[in-house]
Amino acid sequence: MKNIKIFATALLLTTASFATIAADQPSSQPAADAQKIGVISVAGAANLSALETELANKAAASGASSYRIISAGGQNKLHGTAEIFN
């Protein structure tokens, strides 16, 4: 019984911490009235998830509130481009 309580508490804390991290990331879909403020690109990602994460991090570092991936490609290492919006 004690193990269940500990597991439930750990799960709750983990979920709460992921929710706060996700709140800092920009949205991947711009709002209808969003203004384009630039274009960002990354290269060298191992897979599509890593590429999306790198683009999201770069958009957040640029101060964007949202981004839209406009290209992705490559063979062994992927590269991608995204528009960023306010």
PDB file of N, CA and C in Angstrom:
ATOM      1  N   MET A   1       0.816  -1.185   0.000  1.00  0.00           N
ATOM      2  CA  MET A   1       0.000   0.000   0.000  1.00  0.00           C
ATOM      3  C   MET A   1       0.868   1.261   0.000  1.00  0.00           C
ATOM      4  N   LYS A   2       1.946   1.224   0.754  1.00  0.00           N
ATOM      5  CA  LYS A   2       2.837   2.373   0.829  1.00  0.00           C
ATOM      6  C   LYS A   2       3.483   2.626  -0.540  1.00  0.00           C
ATOM      7  N   ASN A   3       3.832   1.538  -1.253  1.00  0.00           N
ATOM      8  CA  ASN A   3       4.439   1.685  -2.576  1.00  0.00           C
ATOM      9  C   ASN A   3       3.487   2.352  -3.554  1.00  0.00           C
ATOM     10  N   ILE A   4       2.199   2.059  -3.462  1.00  0.00           N
ATOM     11  CA  ILE A   4       1.213   2.663  -4.350  1.00  0.00           C
ATOM     12  C   ILE A   4       1.131   4.163  -4.103  1.00  0.00           C
ATOM     13  N   LYS A   5       1.152   4.574  -2.846  1.00  0.00           N
ATOM     14  CA  LYS A   5       1.104   5.994  -2.510  1.00  0.00           C
ATOM     15  C   LYS A   5       2.347   6.721  -3.029  1.00  0.00           C
ATOM     16  N   ILE A   6       3.492   6.101  -2.873  1.00  0.00           N
ATOM     17  CA  ILE A   6       4.739   6.706  -3.351  1.00  0.00           C
ATOM     18  C   ILE A   6       4.709   6.818  -4.871  1.00  0.00           C
ATOM     19  N   PHE A   7       4.269   5.763  -5.549  1.00  0.00           N
ATOM     20  CA  PHE A   7       4.192   5.776  -7.011  1.00  0.00           C
ATOM     21  C   PHE A   7       3.214   6.850  -7.489  1.00  0.00           C
ATOM     22  N   ALA A   8       2.056   6.943  -6.854  1.00  0.00           N
ATOM     23  CA  ALA A   8       1.054   7.939  -7.244  1.00  0.00           C
ATOM     24  C   ALA A   8       1.593   9.353  -7.045  1.00  0.00           C
ATOM     25  N   THR A   9       2.297   9.580  -5.961  1.00  0.00           N
ATOM     26  CA  THR A   9       2.884  10.898  -5.701  1.00  0.00           C
ATOM     27  C   THR A   9       3.947  11.225  -6.744  1.00  0.00           C
ATOM     28  N   ALA A  10       4.796  10.266  -7.056  1.00  0.00           N
ATOM     29  CA  ALA A  10       5.838  10.477  -8.061  1.00  0.00           C
ATOM     30  C   ALA A  10       5.220  10.768  -9.427  1.00  0.00           C
ATOM     31  N   LEU A  11       4.174  10.043  -9.776  1.00  0.00           N
ATOM     32  CA  LEU A  11       3.500  10.253 -11.052  1.00  0.00           C
ATOM     33  C   LEU A  11       2.878  11.643 -11.110  1.00  0.00           C
ATOM     34  N   LEU A  12       2.263  12.071 -10.041  1.00  0.00           N
ATOM     35  CA  LEU A  12       1.648  13.395  -9.983  1.00  0.00           C
ATOM     36  C   LEU A  12       2.700  14.491 -10.136  1.00  0.00           C
ATOM     37  N   LEU A  13       3.807  14.367  -9.430  1.00  0.00           N
ATOM     38  CA  LEU A  13       4.862  15.376  -9.514  1.00  0.00           C
ATOM     39  C   LEU A  13       5.500  15.410 -10.898  1.00  0.00           C
ATOM     40  N   THR A  14       5.688  14.248 -11.511  1.00  0.00           N
ATOM     41  CA  THR A  14       6.257  14.179 -12.852  1.00  0.00           C
ATOM     42  C   THR A  14       5.333  14.842 -13.849  1.00  0.00           C
ATOM     43  N   THR A  15       4.057  14.555 -13.768  1.00  0.00           N
ATOM     44  CA  THR A  15       3.082  15.157 -14.673  1.00  0.00           C
ATOM     45  C   THR A  15       3.051  16.672 -14.500  1.00  0.00           C
ATOM     46  N   ALA A  16       3.090  17.139 -13.290  1.00  0.00           N
ATOM     47  CA  ALA A  16       3.068  18.575 -13.026  1.00  0.00           C
ATOM     48  C   ALA A  16       4.310  19.258 -13.590  1.00  0.00           C
ATOM     49  N   SER A  17       5.475  18.624 -13.471  1.00  0.00           N
ATOM     50  CA  SER A  17       6.689  19.251 -13.975  1.00  0.00           C
ATOM     51  C   SER A  17       6.701  19.288 -15.495  1.00  0.00           C
ATOM     52  N   PHE A  18       6.180  18.252 -16.164  1.00  0.00           N
ATOM     53  CA  PHE A  18       6.097  18.272 -17.624  1.00  0.00           C
ATOM     54  C   PHE A  18       5.138  19.347 -18.100  1.00  0.00           C
ATOM     55  N   ALA A  19       4.067  19.570 -17.372  1.00  0.00           N
ATOM     56  CA  ALA A  19       3.093  20.590 -17.751  1.00  0.00           C
ATOM     57  C   ALA A  19       3.711  21.981 -17.700  1.00  0.00           C
ATOM     58  N   THR A  20       4.563  22.246 -16.724  1.00  0.00           N
ATOM     59  CA  THR A  20       5.183  23.561 -16.641  1.00  0.00           C
ATOM     60  C   THR A  20       6.238  23.743 -17.726  1.00  0.00           C
ATOM     61  N   ILE A  21       6.931  22.698 -18.101  1.00  0.00           N
ATOM     62  CA  ILE A  21       7.910  22.791 -19.181  1.00  0.00           C
ATOM     63  C   ILE A  21       7.195  23.036 -20.496  1.00  0.00           C
ATOM     64  N   ALA A  22       6.122  22.322 -20.741  1.00  0.00           N
ATOM     65  CA  ALA A  22       5.396  22.461 -21.994  1.00  0.00           C
ATOM     66  C   ALA A  22       4.791  23.852 -22.139  1.00  0.00           C
ATOM     67  N   ALA A  23       4.461  24.501 -21.059  1.00  0.00           N
ATOM     68  CA  ALA A  23       3.863  25.834 -21.126  1.00  0.00           C
ATOM     69  C   ALA A  23       4.849  26.866 -21.661  1.00  0.00           C
ATOM     70  N   ASP A  24       6.144  26.627 -21.532  1.00  0.00           N
ATOM     71  CA  ASP A  24       7.142  27.572 -22.000  1.00  0.00           C
ATOM     72  C   ASP A  24       7.409  27.462 -23.494  1.00  0.00           C
ATOM     73  N   GLN A  25       7.043  26.366 -24.112  1.00  0.00           N
ATOM     74  CA  GLN A  25       7.290  26.159 -25.533  1.00  0.00           C
ATOM     75  C   GLN A  25       6.268  26.928 -26.363  1.00  0.00           C
ATOM     76  N   PRO A  26       6.689  27.482 -27.496  1.00  0.00           N
ATOM     77  CA  PRO A  26       5.725  28.158 -28.360  1.00  0.00           C
ATOM     78  C   PRO A  26       4.800  27.150 -29.022  1.00  0.00           C
ATOM     79  N   SER A  27       3.645  27.608 -29.412  1.00  0.00           N
ATOM     80  CA  SER A  27       2.673  26.766 -30.095  1.00  0.00           C
ATOM     81  C   SER A  27       3.175  26.446 -31.500  1.00  0.00           C
ATOM     82  N   SER A  28       2.864  25.247 -31.983  1.00  0.00           N
ATOM     83  CA  SER A  28       3.298  24.883 -33.332  1.00  0.00           C
ATOM     84  C   SER A  28       2.316  25.361 -34.393  1.00  0.00           C
ATOM     85  N   GLN A  29       1.202  25.957 -33.979  1.00  0.00           N
ATOM     86  CA  GLN A  29       0.229  26.508 -34.924  1.00  0.00           C
ATOM     87  C   GLN A  29       0.006  27.983 -34.615  1.00  0.00           C
ATOM     88  N   PRO A  30       0.302  28.874 -35.560  1.00  0.00           N
ATOM     89  CA  PRO A  30       0.103  30.299 -35.306  1.00  0.00           C
ATOM     90  C   PRO A  30      -1.376  30.654 -35.262  1.00  0.00           C
ATOM     91  N   ALA A  31      -1.706  31.680 -34.500  1.00  0.00           N
ATOM     92  CA  ALA A  31      -3.074  32.187 -34.446  1.00  0.00           C
ATOM     93  C   ALA A  31      -3.400  32.881 -35.760  1.00  0.00           C
ATOM     94  N   ALA A  32      -4.668  33.069 -36.016  1.00  0.00           N
ATOM     95  CA  ALA A  32      -5.103  33.672 -37.274  1.00  0.00           C
ATOM     96  C   ALA A  32      -4.561  35.091 -37.451  1.00  0.00           C
ATOM     97  N   ASP A  33      -4.399  35.830 -36.359  1.00  0.00           N
ATOM     98  CA  ASP A  33      -3.911  37.211 -36.443  1.00  0.00           C
ATOM     99  C   ASP A  33      -2.420  37.345 -36.146  1.00  0.00           C
ATOM    100  N   ALA A  34      -1.699  36.243 -36.126  1.00  0.00           N
ATOM    101  CA  ALA A  34      -0.268  36.273 -35.808  1.00  0.00           C
ATOM    102  C   ALA A  34       0.523  36.922 -36.938  1.00  0.00           C
ATOM    103  N   GLN A  35       1.566  37.665 -36.574  1.00  0.00           N
ATOM    104  CA  GLN A  35       2.423  38.310 -37.557  1.00  0.00           C
ATOM    105  C   GLN A  35       3.744  37.558 -37.660  1.00  0.00           C
ATOM    106  N   LYS A  36       4.146  37.290 -38.884  1.00  0.00           N
ATOM    107  CA  LYS A  36       5.412  36.606 -39.126  1.00  0.00           C
ATOM    108  C   LYS A  36       6.562  37.533 -38.749  1.00  0.00           C
ATOM    109  N   ILE A  37       7.491  36.997 -37.926  1.00  0.00           N
ATOM    110  CA  ILE A  37       8.627  37.822 -37.505  1.00  0.00           C
ATOM    111  C   ILE A  37       9.955  37.295 -38.034  1.00  0.00           C
ATOM    112  N   GLY A  38       9.929  36.142 -38.719  1.00  0.00           N
ATOM    113  CA  GLY A  38      11.170  35.632 -39.270  1.00  0.00           C
ATOM    114  C   GLY A  38      11.105  34.172 -39.635  1.00  0.00           C
ATOM    115  N   VAL A  39      12.266  33.652 -39.992  1.00  0.00           N
ATOM    116  CA  VAL A  39      12.421  32.254 -40.378  1.00  0.00           C
ATOM    117  C   VAL A  39      13.620  31.699 -39.616  1.00  0.00           C
ATOM    118  N   ILE A  40      13.490  30.479 -39.111  1.00  0.00           N
ATOM    119  CA  ILE A  40      14.597  29.814 -38.417  1.00  0.00           C
ATOM    120  C   ILE A  40      14.880  28.489 -39.110  1.00  0.00           C
ATOM    121  N   SER A  41      16.090  27.979 -38.931  1.00  0.00           N
ATOM    122  CA  SER A  41      16.426  26.676 -39.495  1.00  0.00           C
ATOM    123  C   SER A  41      17.391  25.950 -38.568  1.00  0.00           C
ATOM    124  N   VAL A  42      17.333  24.634 -38.630  1.00  0.00           N
ATOM    125  CA  VAL A  42      18.250  23.784 -37.870  1.00  0.00           C
ATOM    126  C   VAL A  42      18.717  22.656 -38.778  1.00  0.00           C
ATOM    127  N   ALA A  43      19.840  22.062 -38.419  1.00  0.00           N
ATOM    128  CA  ALA A  43      20.385  20.947 -39.194  1.00  0.00           C
ATOM    129  C   ALA A  43      21.036  19.951 -38.245  1.00  0.00           C
ATOM    130  N   GLY A  44      21.090  18.713 -38.676  1.00  0.00           N
ATOM    131  CA  GLY A  44      21.791  17.684 -37.915  1.00  0.00           C
ATOM    132  C   GLY A  44      20.925  16.867 -36.987  1.00  0.00           C
ATOM    133  N   ALA A  45      19.600  16.965 -37.099  1.00  0.00           N
ATOM    134  CA  ALA A  45      18.716  16.185 -36.228  1.00  0.00           C
ATOM    135  C   ALA A  45      18.711  14.726 -36.649  1.00  0.00           C
ATOM    136  N   ALA A  46      18.615  13.839 -35.672  1.00  0.00           N
ATOM    137  CA  ALA A  46      18.650  12.402 -35.939  1.00  0.00           C
ATOM    138  C   ALA A  46      17.305  11.864 -36.422  1.00  0.00           C
ATOM    139  N   ASN A  47      16.187  12.491 -35.993  1.00  0.00           N
ATOM    140  CA  ASN A  47      14.856  12.032 -36.408  1.00  0.00           C
ATOM    141  C   ASN A  47      13.898  13.223 -36.406  1.00  0.00           C
ATOM    142  N   LEU A  48      12.663  12.992 -36.852  1.00  0.00           N
ATOM    143  CA  LEU A  48      11.702  14.088 -36.954  1.00  0.00           C
ATOM    144  C   LEU A  48      11.339  14.692 -35.603  1.00  0.00           C
ATOM    145  N   SER A  49      11.257  13.861 -34.583  1.00  0.00           N
ATOM    146  CA  SER A  49      10.944  14.383 -33.244  1.00  0.00           C
ATOM    147  C   SER A  49      12.040  15.323 -32.755  1.00  0.00           C
ATOM    148  N   ALA A  50      13.280  14.941 -32.973  1.00  0.00           N
ATOM    149  CA  ALA A  50      14.401  15.785 -32.570  1.00  0.00           C
ATOM    150  C   ALA A  50      14.418  17.080 -33.382  1.00  0.00           C
ATOM    151  N   LEU A  51      14.087  16.983 -34.660  1.00  0.00           N
ATOM    152  CA  LEU A  51      14.039  18.170 -35.513  1.00  0.00           C
ATOM    153  C   LEU A  51      12.973  19.136 -35.012  1.00  0.00           C
ATOM    154  N   GLU A  52      11.795  18.620 -34.704  1.00  0.00           N
ATOM    155  CA  GLU A  52      10.709  19.476 -34.193  1.00  0.00           C
ATOM    156  C   GLU A  52      11.082  20.107 -32.856  1.00  0.00           C
ATOM    157  N   THR A  53      11.719  19.340 -31.989  1.00  0.00           N
ATOM    158  CA  THR A  53      12.150  19.865 -30.688  1.00  0.00           C
ATOM    159  C   THR A  53      13.181  20.979 -30.858  1.00  0.00           C
ATOM    160  N   GLU A  54      14.138  20.773 -31.746  1.00  0.00           N
ATOM    161  CA  GLU A  54      15.161  21.795 -31.976  1.00  0.00           C
ATOM    162  C   GLU A  54      14.550  23.067 -32.550  1.00  0.00           C
ATOM    163  N   LEU A  55      13.594  22.912 -33.486  1.00  0.00           N
ATOM    164  CA  LEU A  55      12.922  24.088 -34.042  1.00  0.00           C
ATOM    165  C   LEU A  55      12.109  24.811 -32.968  1.00  0.00           C
ATOM    166  N   ALA A  56      11.416  24.066 -32.109  1.00  0.00           N
ATOM    167  CA  ALA A  56      10.629  24.673 -31.031  1.00  0.00           C
ATOM    168  C   ALA A  56      11.535  25.431 -30.066  1.00  0.00           C
ATOM    169  N   ASN A  57      12.669  24.852 -29.719  1.00  0.00           N
ATOM    170  CA  ASN A  57      13.613  25.515 -28.814  1.00  0.00           C
ATOM    171  C   ASN A  57      14.177  26.791 -29.431  1.00  0.00           C
ATOM    172  N   LYS A  58      14.496  26.727 -30.720  1.00  0.00           N
ATOM    173  CA  LYS A  58      15.038  27.904 -31.388  1.00  0.00           C
ATOM    174  C   LYS A  58      13.969  29.000 -31.510  1.00  0.00           C
ATOM    175  N   ALA A  59      12.712  28.597 -31.760  1.00  0.00           N
ATOM    176  CA  ALA A  59      11.613  29.569 -31.815  1.00  0.00           C
ATOM    177  C   ALA A  59      11.423  30.228 -30.456  1.00  0.00           C
ATOM    178  N   ALA A  60      11.478  29.443 -29.395  1.00  0.00           N
ATOM    179  CA  ALA A  60      11.332  29.995 -28.045  1.00  0.00           C
ATOM    180  C   ALA A  60      12.472  30.957 -27.735  1.00  0.00           C
ATOM    181  N   ALA A  61      13.677  30.604 -28.136  1.00  0.00           N
ATOM    182  CA  ALA A  61      14.833  31.474 -27.891  1.00  0.00           C
ATOM    183  C   ALA A  61      14.719  32.780 -28.672  1.00  0.00           C
ATOM    184  N   SER A  62      13.991  32.753 -29.789  1.00  0.00           N
ATOM    185  CA  SER A  62      13.801  33.953 -30.603  1.00  0.00           C
ATOM    186  C   SER A  62      12.672  34.832 -30.088  1.00  0.00           C
ATOM    187  N   GLY A  63      11.948  34.352 -29.086  1.00  0.00           N
ATOM    188  CA  GLY A  63      10.850  35.124 -28.529  1.00  0.00           C
ATOM    189  C   GLY A  63       9.535  34.942 -29.274  1.00  0.00           C
ATOM    190  N   ALA A  64       9.437  33.921 -30.103  1.00  0.00           N
ATOM    191  CA  ALA A  64       8.216  33.678 -30.868  1.00  0.00           C
ATOM    192  C   ALA A  64       7.139  33.059 -29.988  1.00  0.00           C
ATOM    193  N   SER A  65       5.894  33.384 -30.294  1.00  0.00           N
ATOM    194  CA  SER A  65       4.785  32.762 -29.571  1.00  0.00           C
ATOM    195  C   SER A  65       4.286  31.522 -30.294  1.00  0.00           C
ATOM    196  N   SER A  66       4.618  31.402 -31.588  1.00  0.00           N
ATOM    197  CA  SER A  66       4.237  30.214 -32.351  1.00  0.00           C
ATOM    198  C   SER A  66       5.181  30.044 -33.534  1.00  0.00           C
ATOM    199  N   TYR A  67       5.133  28.872 -34.131  1.00  0.00           N
ATOM    200  CA  TYR A  67       5.957  28.587 -35.295  1.00  0.00           C
ATOM    201  C   TYR A  67       5.219  27.602 -36.193  1.00  0.00           C
ATOM    202  N   ARG A  68       5.632  27.562 -37.470  1.00  0.00           N
ATOM    203  CA  ARG A  68       5.065  26.606 -38.413  1.00  0.00           C
ATOM    204  C   ARG A  68       6.218  26.027 -39.236  1.00  0.00           C
ATOM    205  N   ILE A  69       6.375  24.718 -39.205  1.00  0.00           N
ATOM    206  CA  ILE A  69       7.425  24.056 -39.970  1.00  0.00           C
ATOM    207  C   ILE A  69       7.028  24.102 -41.443  1.00  0.00           C
ATOM    208  N   ILE A  70       7.930  24.634 -42.281  1.00  0.00           N
ATOM    209  CA  ILE A  70       7.620  24.758 -43.694  1.00  0.00           C
ATOM    210  C   ILE A  70       8.437  23.813 -44.568  1.00  0.00           C
ATOM    211  N   SER A  71       9.516  23.243 -44.011  1.00  0.00           N
ATOM    212  CA  SER A  71      10.268  22.236 -44.775  1.00  0.00           C
ATOM    213  C   SER A  71      11.072  21.359 -43.830  1.00  0.00           C
ATOM    214  N   ALA A  72      11.239  20.129 -44.250  1.00  0.00           N
ATOM    215  CA  ALA A  72      12.068  19.163 -43.523  1.00  0.00           C
ATOM    216  C   ALA A  72      12.585  18.163 -44.536  1.00  0.00           C
ATOM    217  N   GLY A  73      13.845  17.785 -44.398  1.00  0.00           N
ATOM    218  CA  GLY A  73      14.405  16.820 -45.343  1.00  0.00           C
ATOM    219  C   GLY A  73      15.755  16.338 -44.879  1.00  0.00           C
ATOM    220  N   GLY A  74      16.317  15.457 -45.680  1.00  0.00           N
ATOM    221  CA  GLY A  74      17.627  14.907 -45.385  1.00  0.00           C
ATOM    222  C   GLY A  74      17.595  13.400 -45.406  1.00  0.00           C
ATOM    223  N   GLN A  75      18.770  12.793 -45.267  1.00  0.00           N
ATOM    224  CA  GLN A  75      18.836  11.342 -45.267  1.00  0.00           C
ATOM    225  C   GLN A  75      19.278  10.832 -43.902  1.00  0.00           C
ATOM    226  N   ASN A  76      20.555  10.865 -43.610  1.00  0.00           N
ATOM    227  CA  ASN A  76      21.021  10.404 -42.298  1.00  0.00           C
ATOM    228  C   ASN A  76      20.796  11.453 -41.217  1.00  0.00           C
ATOM    229  N   LYS A  77      21.017  12.684 -41.541  1.00  0.00           N
ATOM    230  CA  LYS A  77      20.782  13.809 -40.632  1.00  0.00           C
ATOM    231  C   LYS A  77      19.758  14.722 -41.291  1.00  0.00           C
ATOM    232  N   LEU A  78      18.778  15.155 -40.524  1.00  0.00           N
ATOM    233  CA  LEU A  78      17.693  15.970 -41.063  1.00  0.00           C
ATOM    234  C   LEU A  78      17.952  17.456 -40.868  1.00  0.00           C
ATOM    235  N   HIS A  79      17.387  18.254 -41.755  1.00  0.00           N
ATOM    236  CA  HIS A  79      17.423  19.704 -41.641  1.00  0.00           C
ATOM    237  C   HIS A  79      15.993  20.194 -41.825  1.00  0.00           C
ATOM    238  N   GLY A  80      15.687  21.334 -41.235  1.00  0.00           N
ATOM    239  CA  GLY A  80      14.332  21.864 -41.336  1.00  0.00           C
ATOM    240  C   GLY A  80      14.294  23.368 -41.192  1.00  0.00           C
ATOM    241  N   THR A  81      13.198  23.932 -41.677  1.00  0.00           N
ATOM    242  CA  THR A  81      12.976  25.369 -41.642  1.00  0.00           C
ATOM    243  C   THR A  81      11.581  25.635 -41.104  1.00  0.00           C
ATOM    244  N   ALA A  82      11.447  26.708 -40.344  1.00  0.00           N
ATOM    245  CA  ALA A  82      10.145  27.080 -39.801  1.00  0.00           C
ATOM    246  C   ALA A  82       9.975  28.593 -39.831  1.00  0.00           C
ATOM    247  N   GLU A  83       8.745  29.034 -40.048  1.00  0.00           N
ATOM    248  CA  GLU A  83       8.396  30.438 -39.906  1.00  0.00           C
ATOM    249  C   GLU A  83       8.037  30.661 -38.439  1.00  0.00           C
ATOM    250  N   ILE A  84       8.448  31.815 -37.895  1.00  0.00           N
ATOM    251  CA  ILE A  84       8.098  32.121 -36.497  1.00  0.00           C
ATOM    252  C   ILE A  84       7.169  33.340 -36.477  1.00  0.00           C
ATOM    253  N   PHE A  85       6.264  33.344 -35.485  1.00  0.00           N
ATOM    254  CA  PHE A  85       5.218  34.360 -35.386  1.00  0.00           C
ATOM    255  C   PHE A  85       5.159  34.943 -33.992  1.00  0.00           C
ATOM    256  N   ASN A  86       4.691  36.194 -33.920  1.00  0.00           N
ATOM    257  CA  ASN A  86       4.422  36.861 -32.639  1.00  0.00           C
ATOM    258  C   ASN A  86       2.986  36.631 -32.257  1.00  0.00           C
TER     259      ASN A  86
END
